Amino acid sequence: SSGINAEWPLRPGYCCPLWDPSKITDIRTVENVQKQFTKKIVGMSSLDYWQRLEKLKLLSLQRRRERYSIIHVWKMLNDKAPNNIGMNFYPSARLGMRVTIPPFNHQAQALYSTAYDNSFAIKAARLLNLLPKNVN
C-alpha cells in the first residue's frame, strides 16, 4: 500500500471569513477530505480519525475554521485587519472584550434568519463572545 510519508500543512481555514459551510452535510463533506487524506499517511490507517488528528497535532477542519474566525475578529479588534463589516467592540469588566451582535428583525422570513445566523459577522462574534476574559 502506498502511503504519504510527510505531514502536509492543510490551510483551508484562511478563507473562513468568505466561506464557512453551515449545513451538516457540507461540513461532513469537507471534513471527509481531511479524514481520507490522513488515513493515507504511513502508520495512520489503523487509527480512527480523532486519533489521527491527535497524533498529527491537527484540529478538525470545523475547529480550524472557528479558530481562524476568532483570529480574524481579534485582528479587526486590534487594527491588524480592516473592520469593514462594522463589528462593534466593547469592554466588559467581568467578561473582557466583547462584540455587539446586531439584532435580527424577527419579522423577517426564516430564509433570512438562516443567512443571518450563518453570516461571518454573527458566527465570529458569537465565538469571540464565548472566550474567557483572560484569552481575549
N, C-alpha and C. Protein backbone atom coordinates (compact mmCIF):
# COMPACT_ATOMS: atom_id res chain seq x y z
N SER A 1 0.85 -1.18 0.00
CA SER A 1 0.00 0.00 0.00
C SER A 1 0.88 1.23 0.00
N SER A 2 0.56 2.15 -0.88
CA SER A 2 1.35 3.37 -0.92
C SER A 2 0.79 4.36 0.09
N GLY A 3 1.67 5.02 0.79
CA GLY A 3 1.25 5.98 1.80
C GLY A 3 2.00 7.29 1.64
N ILE A 4 1.57 8.25 2.33
CA ILE A 4 2.21 9.56 2.32
C ILE A 4 3.10 9.64 3.55
N ASN A 5 4.37 9.96 3.35
CA ASN A 5 5.33 9.94 4.45
C ASN A 5 5.51 11.29 5.13
N ALA A 6 4.99 12.34 4.58
CA ALA A 6 5.20 13.67 5.18
C ALA A 6 3.87 14.26 5.59
N GLU A 7 3.92 15.06 6.63
CA GLU A 7 2.72 15.79 7.03
C GLU A 7 2.54 16.95 6.05
N TRP A 8 1.34 17.09 5.58
CA TRP A 8 1.04 18.16 4.63
C TRP A 8 0.30 19.26 5.37
N PRO A 9 0.82 20.47 5.36
CA PRO A 9 0.16 21.54 6.12
C PRO A 9 -1.11 22.02 5.41
N LEU A 10 -2.24 21.51 5.82
CA LEU A 10 -3.52 21.93 5.26
C LEU A 10 -3.85 23.33 5.76
N ARG A 11 -4.30 24.20 4.88
CA ARG A 11 -4.62 25.57 5.26
C ARG A 11 -6.00 26.00 4.78
N PRO A 12 -7.01 25.18 4.93
CA PRO A 12 -8.33 25.57 4.43
C PRO A 12 -9.02 26.64 5.26
N GLY A 13 -8.54 26.91 6.45
CA GLY A 13 -9.22 27.85 7.33
C GLY A 13 -9.02 29.30 6.98
N TYR A 14 -8.03 29.62 6.17
CA TYR A 14 -7.74 31.02 5.88
C TYR A 14 -8.88 31.73 5.16
N CYS A 15 -9.71 31.01 4.45
CA CYS A 15 -10.82 31.64 3.72
C CYS A 15 -12.13 31.62 4.50
N CYS A 16 -12.10 31.22 5.76
CA CYS A 16 -13.35 31.08 6.50
C CYS A 16 -14.16 32.37 6.62
N PRO A 17 -13.57 33.58 6.58
CA PRO A 17 -14.45 34.74 6.56
C PRO A 17 -15.30 34.81 5.29
N LEU A 18 -14.82 34.20 4.22
CA LEU A 18 -15.57 34.20 2.97
C LEU A 18 -16.43 32.96 2.80
N TRP A 19 -15.92 31.82 3.22
CA TRP A 19 -16.63 30.56 3.03
C TRP A 19 -16.49 29.70 4.27
N ASP A 20 -17.62 29.42 4.88
CA ASP A 20 -17.66 28.59 6.08
C ASP A 20 -18.98 27.83 6.03
N PRO A 21 -18.93 26.56 5.63
CA PRO A 21 -20.19 25.83 5.46
C PRO A 21 -20.99 25.75 6.76
N SER A 22 -22.29 25.80 6.62
CA SER A 22 -23.16 25.73 7.79
C SER A 22 -24.04 24.49 7.80
N LYS A 23 -24.27 23.91 6.63
CA LYS A 23 -25.07 22.69 6.56
C LYS A 23 -24.22 21.51 7.01
N ILE A 24 -24.81 20.65 7.83
CA ILE A 24 -24.09 19.50 8.36
C ILE A 24 -23.52 18.64 7.23
N THR A 25 -24.28 18.45 6.16
CA THR A 25 -23.80 17.63 5.04
C THR A 25 -22.57 18.25 4.40
N ASP A 26 -22.55 19.58 4.27
CA ASP A 26 -21.39 20.26 3.69
C ASP A 26 -20.18 20.16 4.62
N ILE A 27 -20.41 20.32 5.92
CA ILE A 27 -19.31 20.21 6.89
C ILE A 27 -18.71 18.82 6.84
N ARG A 28 -19.56 17.80 6.79
CA ARG A 28 -19.06 16.41 6.72
C ARG A 28 -18.31 16.14 5.43
N THR A 29 -18.80 16.69 4.32
CA THR A 29 -18.12 16.51 3.03
C THR A 29 -16.71 17.09 3.08
N VAL A 30 -16.59 18.30 3.60
CA VAL A 30 -15.28 18.95 3.70
C VAL A 30 -14.39 18.19 4.67
N GLU A 31 -14.95 17.77 5.80
CA GLU A 31 -14.17 17.05 6.81
C GLU A 31 -13.67 15.72 6.25
N ASN A 32 -14.46 15.10 5.38
CA ASN A 32 -14.06 13.81 4.80
C ASN A 32 -12.80 13.92 3.94
N VAL A 33 -12.54 15.09 3.37
CA VAL A 33 -11.30 15.28 2.61
C VAL A 33 -10.10 15.05 3.53
N GLN A 34 -10.10 15.72 4.70
CA GLN A 34 -9.00 15.55 5.65
C GLN A 34 -9.00 14.13 6.22
N LYS A 35 -10.17 13.60 6.46
CA LYS A 35 -10.30 12.25 7.01
C LYS A 35 -9.63 11.23 6.08
N GLN A 36 -9.94 11.31 4.79
CA GLN A 36 -9.37 10.37 3.82
C GLN A 36 -7.88 10.62 3.62
N PHE A 37 -7.48 11.88 3.61
CA PHE A 37 -6.07 12.20 3.41
C PHE A 37 -5.21 11.66 4.56
N THR A 38 -5.64 11.91 5.79
CA THR A 38 -4.84 11.49 6.94
C THR A 38 -4.77 9.97 7.05
N LYS A 39 -5.77 9.28 6.51
CA LYS A 39 -5.78 7.81 6.54
C LYS A 39 -4.67 7.24 5.67
N LYS A 40 -4.23 7.98 4.67
CA LYS A 40 -3.20 7.52 3.73
C LYS A 40 -1.78 7.75 4.24
N ILE A 41 -1.62 8.44 5.33
CA ILE A 41 -0.30 8.69 5.89
C ILE A 41 0.20 7.39 6.53
N VAL A 42 1.43 7.04 6.25
CA VAL A 42 2.02 5.80 6.76
C VAL A 42 1.86 5.72 8.28
N GLY A 43 1.34 4.60 8.76
CA GLY A 43 1.18 4.36 10.18
C GLY A 43 -0.12 4.89 10.76
N MET A 44 -0.97 5.47 9.94
CA MET A 44 -2.20 6.08 10.44
C MET A 44 -3.46 5.28 10.10
N SER A 45 -3.37 4.35 9.19
CA SER A 45 -4.58 3.68 8.69
C SER A 45 -5.33 2.89 9.76
N SER A 46 -4.64 2.44 10.79
CA SER A 46 -5.32 1.65 11.83
C SER A 46 -5.98 2.53 12.90
N LEU A 47 -5.71 3.83 12.87
CA LEU A 47 -6.26 4.73 13.87
C LEU A 47 -7.57 5.33 13.37
N ASP A 48 -8.47 5.66 14.31
CA ASP A 48 -9.67 6.36 13.88
C ASP A 48 -9.31 7.83 13.62
N TYR A 49 -10.24 8.56 13.02
CA TYR A 49 -9.99 9.93 12.60
C TYR A 49 -9.49 10.81 13.73
N TRP A 50 -10.13 10.74 14.89
CA TRP A 50 -9.76 11.62 16.01
C TRP A 50 -8.39 11.26 16.56
N GLN A 51 -8.04 9.98 16.54
CA GLN A 51 -6.70 9.56 16.97
C GLN A 51 -5.65 10.06 15.98
N ARG A 52 -5.97 9.99 14.68
CA ARG A 52 -5.03 10.50 13.68
C ARG A 52 -4.81 12.00 13.87
N LEU A 53 -5.88 12.74 14.10
CA LEU A 53 -5.72 14.18 14.31
C LEU A 53 -4.84 14.46 15.52
N GLU A 54 -5.08 13.73 16.59
CA GLU A 54 -4.28 13.93 17.80
C GLU A 54 -2.81 13.61 17.55
N LYS A 55 -2.55 12.50 16.89
CA LYS A 55 -1.17 12.10 16.62
C LYS A 55 -0.46 13.09 15.68
N LEU A 56 -1.21 13.64 14.73
CA LEU A 56 -0.64 14.60 13.78
C LEU A 56 -0.68 16.04 14.30
N LYS A 57 -1.23 16.20 15.51
CA LYS A 57 -1.36 17.52 16.13
C LYS A 57 -2.16 18.47 15.24
N LEU A 58 -3.29 17.96 14.74
CA LEU A 58 -4.20 18.73 13.91
C LEU A 58 -5.54 18.89 14.61
N LEU A 59 -6.27 19.90 14.22
CA LEU A 59 -7.64 20.07 14.66
C LEU A 59 -8.56 19.65 13.52
N SER A 60 -9.81 19.38 13.84
CA SER A 60 -10.77 19.12 12.77
C SER A 60 -10.88 20.39 11.94
N LEU A 61 -11.31 20.26 10.70
CA LEU A 61 -11.43 21.43 9.84
C LEU A 61 -12.45 22.43 10.39
N GLN A 62 -13.51 21.93 11.01
CA GLN A 62 -14.51 22.81 11.61
C GLN A 62 -13.88 23.64 12.74
N ARG A 63 -13.10 22.99 13.61
CA ARG A 63 -12.45 23.72 14.71
C ARG A 63 -11.43 24.71 14.16
N ARG A 64 -10.75 24.35 13.07
CA ARG A 64 -9.78 25.26 12.48
C ARG A 64 -10.47 26.49 11.90
N ARG A 65 -11.62 26.29 11.25
CA ARG A 65 -12.36 27.44 10.73
C ARG A 65 -12.82 28.34 11.87
N GLU A 66 -13.26 27.75 12.96
CA GLU A 66 -13.66 28.55 14.12
C GLU A 66 -12.46 29.33 14.67
N ARG A 67 -11.33 28.66 14.75
CA ARG A 67 -10.10 29.30 15.26
C ARG A 67 -9.72 30.49 14.37
N TYR A 68 -9.71 30.28 13.05
CA TYR A 68 -9.35 31.36 12.14
C TYR A 68 -10.35 32.50 12.20
N SER A 69 -11.62 32.19 12.42
CA SER A 69 -12.63 33.25 12.57
C SER A 69 -12.32 34.10 13.79
N ILE A 70 -12.00 33.46 14.89
CA ILE A 70 -11.66 34.20 16.12
C ILE A 70 -10.40 35.04 15.90
N ILE A 71 -9.42 34.47 15.23
CA ILE A 71 -8.18 35.22 14.95
C ILE A 71 -8.49 36.43 14.08
N HIS A 72 -9.33 36.26 13.08
CA HIS A 72 -9.66 37.38 12.20
C HIS A 72 -10.39 38.50 12.96
N VAL A 73 -11.31 38.12 13.84
CA VAL A 73 -12.00 39.13 14.64
C VAL A 73 -11.01 39.82 15.58
N TRP A 74 -10.09 39.07 16.16
CA TRP A 74 -9.07 39.66 17.02
C TRP A 74 -8.24 40.67 16.23
N LYS A 75 -7.91 40.32 14.99
CA LYS A 75 -7.16 41.26 14.14
C LYS A 75 -7.95 42.53 13.89
N MET A 76 -9.25 42.39 13.67
CA MET A 76 -10.09 43.59 13.48
C MET A 76 -10.10 44.43 14.75
N LEU A 77 -10.23 43.78 15.89
CA LEU A 77 -10.24 44.47 17.18
C LEU A 77 -8.96 45.26 17.40
N ASN A 78 -7.84 44.68 16.96
CA ASN A 78 -6.53 45.29 17.20
C ASN A 78 -5.97 46.02 15.97
N ASP A 79 -6.85 46.39 15.06
CA ASP A 79 -6.48 47.16 13.86
C ASP A 79 -5.40 46.50 13.02
N LYS A 80 -5.41 45.18 12.97
CA LYS A 80 -4.47 44.43 12.13
C LYS A 80 -5.16 43.99 10.84
N ALA A 81 -6.48 44.13 10.80
CA ALA A 81 -7.29 43.83 9.62
C ALA A 81 -8.43 44.84 9.60
N PRO A 82 -8.90 45.21 8.40
CA PRO A 82 -9.98 46.20 8.35
C PRO A 82 -11.28 45.64 8.93
N ASN A 83 -11.97 46.48 9.64
CA ASN A 83 -13.27 46.11 10.21
C ASN A 83 -14.34 46.63 9.26
N ASN A 84 -14.39 46.04 8.06
CA ASN A 84 -15.30 46.54 7.04
C ASN A 84 -16.71 45.94 7.15
N ILE A 85 -16.96 45.18 8.21
CA ILE A 85 -18.31 44.67 8.43
C ILE A 85 -18.96 45.35 9.62
N GLY A 86 -18.27 46.35 10.17
CA GLY A 86 -18.86 47.18 11.22
C GLY A 86 -19.08 46.49 12.55
N MET A 87 -18.15 45.61 12.95
CA MET A 87 -18.27 44.99 14.27
C MET A 87 -18.03 46.04 15.34
N ASN A 88 -18.89 46.05 16.35
CA ASN A 88 -18.75 47.00 17.45
C ASN A 88 -18.21 46.26 18.68
N PHE A 89 -17.01 46.64 19.09
CA PHE A 89 -16.37 46.02 20.24
C PHE A 89 -16.59 46.89 21.47
N TYR A 90 -16.71 46.24 22.61
CA TYR A 90 -16.84 47.00 23.86
C TYR A 90 -16.22 46.18 24.99
N PRO A 91 -15.60 46.88 25.97
CA PRO A 91 -15.01 46.16 27.10
C PRO A 91 -16.07 45.86 28.17
N SER A 92 -15.93 44.71 28.76
CA SER A 92 -16.78 44.32 29.88
C SER A 92 -15.86 44.00 31.05
N ALA A 93 -16.05 44.65 32.17
CA ALA A 93 -15.17 44.43 33.33
C ALA A 93 -15.19 42.97 33.76
N ARG A 94 -16.33 42.34 33.67
CA ARG A 94 -16.45 40.96 34.13
C ARG A 94 -16.06 39.94 33.05
N LEU A 95 -16.37 40.24 31.78
CA LEU A 95 -16.20 39.25 30.72
C LEU A 95 -15.04 39.52 29.78
N GLY A 96 -14.45 40.69 29.83
CA GLY A 96 -13.39 41.05 28.89
C GLY A 96 -13.98 41.70 27.65
N MET A 97 -13.23 41.72 26.57
CA MET A 97 -13.68 42.35 25.34
C MET A 97 -14.81 41.54 24.72
N ARG A 98 -15.83 42.22 24.27
CA ARG A 98 -17.00 41.58 23.68
C ARG A 98 -17.38 42.29 22.39
N VAL A 99 -18.20 41.62 21.60
CA VAL A 99 -18.71 42.17 20.34
C VAL A 99 -20.22 42.28 20.46
N THR A 100 -20.75 43.41 20.05
CA THR A 100 -22.20 43.57 20.00
C THR A 100 -22.72 42.79 18.80
N ILE A 101 -23.67 41.92 19.05
CA ILE A 101 -24.28 41.17 17.95
C ILE A 101 -25.51 41.95 17.51
N PRO A 102 -25.52 42.38 16.24
CA PRO A 102 -26.66 43.18 15.79
C PRO A 102 -27.96 42.39 15.90
N PRO A 103 -29.02 43.05 16.31
CA PRO A 103 -30.29 42.34 16.44
C PRO A 103 -30.84 41.92 15.09
N PHE A 104 -31.58 40.83 15.10
CA PHE A 104 -32.23 40.34 13.89
C PHE A 104 -33.69 40.72 13.93
N ASN A 105 -34.19 41.17 12.82
CA ASN A 105 -35.61 41.52 12.71
C ASN A 105 -36.41 40.21 12.66
N HIS A 106 -37.07 39.87 13.73
CA HIS A 106 -37.79 38.61 13.82
C HIS A 106 -39.03 38.55 12.94
N GLN A 107 -39.38 39.66 12.32
CA GLN A 107 -40.49 39.67 11.37
C GLN A 107 -40.05 39.11 10.01
N ALA A 108 -38.74 38.99 9.81
CA ALA A 108 -38.22 38.50 8.53
C ALA A 108 -38.50 37.01 8.37
N GLN A 109 -38.41 36.56 7.16
CA GLN A 109 -38.66 35.16 6.86
C GLN A 109 -37.54 34.28 7.40
N ALA A 110 -37.85 33.00 7.54
CA ALA A 110 -36.88 32.02 8.06
C ALA A 110 -35.63 31.96 7.18
N LEU A 111 -35.78 32.13 5.89
CA LEU A 111 -34.63 32.11 4.98
C LEU A 111 -33.60 33.15 5.39
N TYR A 112 -34.06 34.34 5.72
CA TYR A 112 -33.15 35.40 6.12
C TYR A 112 -32.56 35.13 7.50
N SER A 113 -33.32 34.47 8.35
CA SER A 113 -32.83 34.11 9.68
C SER A 113 -31.64 33.17 9.56
N THR A 114 -31.72 32.19 8.68
CA THR A 114 -30.62 31.24 8.48
C THR A 114 -29.40 31.96 7.93
N ALA A 115 -29.59 32.83 6.95
CA ALA A 115 -28.48 33.59 6.39
C ALA A 115 -27.84 34.47 7.45
N TYR A 116 -28.65 35.09 8.28
CA TYR A 116 -28.16 35.94 9.37
C TYR A 116 -27.31 35.12 10.34
N ASP A 117 -27.87 34.00 10.83
CA ASP A 117 -27.18 33.16 11.80
C ASP A 117 -25.88 32.58 11.26
N ASN A 118 -25.80 32.34 9.97
CA ASN A 118 -24.62 31.72 9.37
C ASN A 118 -23.64 32.72 8.79
N SER A 119 -23.93 34.00 8.90
CA SER A 119 -23.01 35.00 8.37
C SER A 119 -21.74 35.04 9.22
N PHE A 120 -20.65 35.45 8.58
CA PHE A 120 -19.38 35.53 9.30
C PHE A 120 -19.48 36.46 10.51
N ALA A 121 -20.11 37.61 10.32
CA ALA A 121 -20.19 38.60 11.41
C ALA A 121 -20.86 38.01 12.64
N ILE A 122 -21.92 37.26 12.46
CA ILE A 122 -22.66 36.72 13.60
C ILE A 122 -21.93 35.52 14.20
N LYS A 123 -21.49 34.58 13.36
CA LYS A 123 -20.80 33.39 13.88
C LYS A 123 -19.51 33.78 14.59
N ALA A 124 -18.73 34.67 13.97
CA ALA A 124 -17.45 35.07 14.57
C ALA A 124 -17.67 35.86 15.86
N ALA A 125 -18.67 36.72 15.88
CA ALA A 125 -18.95 37.49 17.10
C ALA A 125 -19.35 36.55 18.23
N ARG A 126 -20.18 35.59 17.93
CA ARG A 126 -20.60 34.63 18.97
C ARG A 126 -19.41 33.82 19.48
N LEU A 127 -18.52 33.44 18.58
CA LEU A 127 -17.33 32.69 19.01
C LEU A 127 -16.44 33.55 19.92
N LEU A 128 -16.20 34.80 19.51
CA LEU A 128 -15.36 35.68 20.34
C LEU A 128 -16.01 35.89 21.71
N ASN A 129 -17.31 36.04 21.73
CA ASN A 129 -18.01 36.29 23.00
C ASN A 129 -18.00 35.06 23.92
N LEU A 130 -17.68 33.89 23.39
CA LEU A 130 -17.59 32.68 24.22
C LEU A 130 -16.24 32.57 24.95
N LEU A 131 -15.25 33.33 24.47
CA LEU A 131 -13.91 33.22 25.04
C LEU A 131 -13.90 33.76 26.48
N PRO A 132 -13.12 33.11 27.34
CA PRO A 132 -12.98 33.64 28.70
C PRO A 132 -12.19 34.96 28.68
N LYS A 133 -12.37 35.74 29.73
CA LYS A 133 -11.78 37.08 29.83
C LYS A 133 -10.26 37.04 29.64
N ASN A 134 -9.60 36.07 30.20
CA ASN A 134 -8.12 36.06 30.15
C ASN A 134 -7.58 35.71 28.76
N VAL A 135 -8.44 35.26 27.84
CA VAL A 135 -7.98 34.92 26.49
C VAL A 135 -8.07 36.11 25.56
N ASN A 136 -9.12 36.89 25.68
CA ASN A 136 -9.29 37.99 24.73
C ASN A 136 -8.74 39.26 25.33
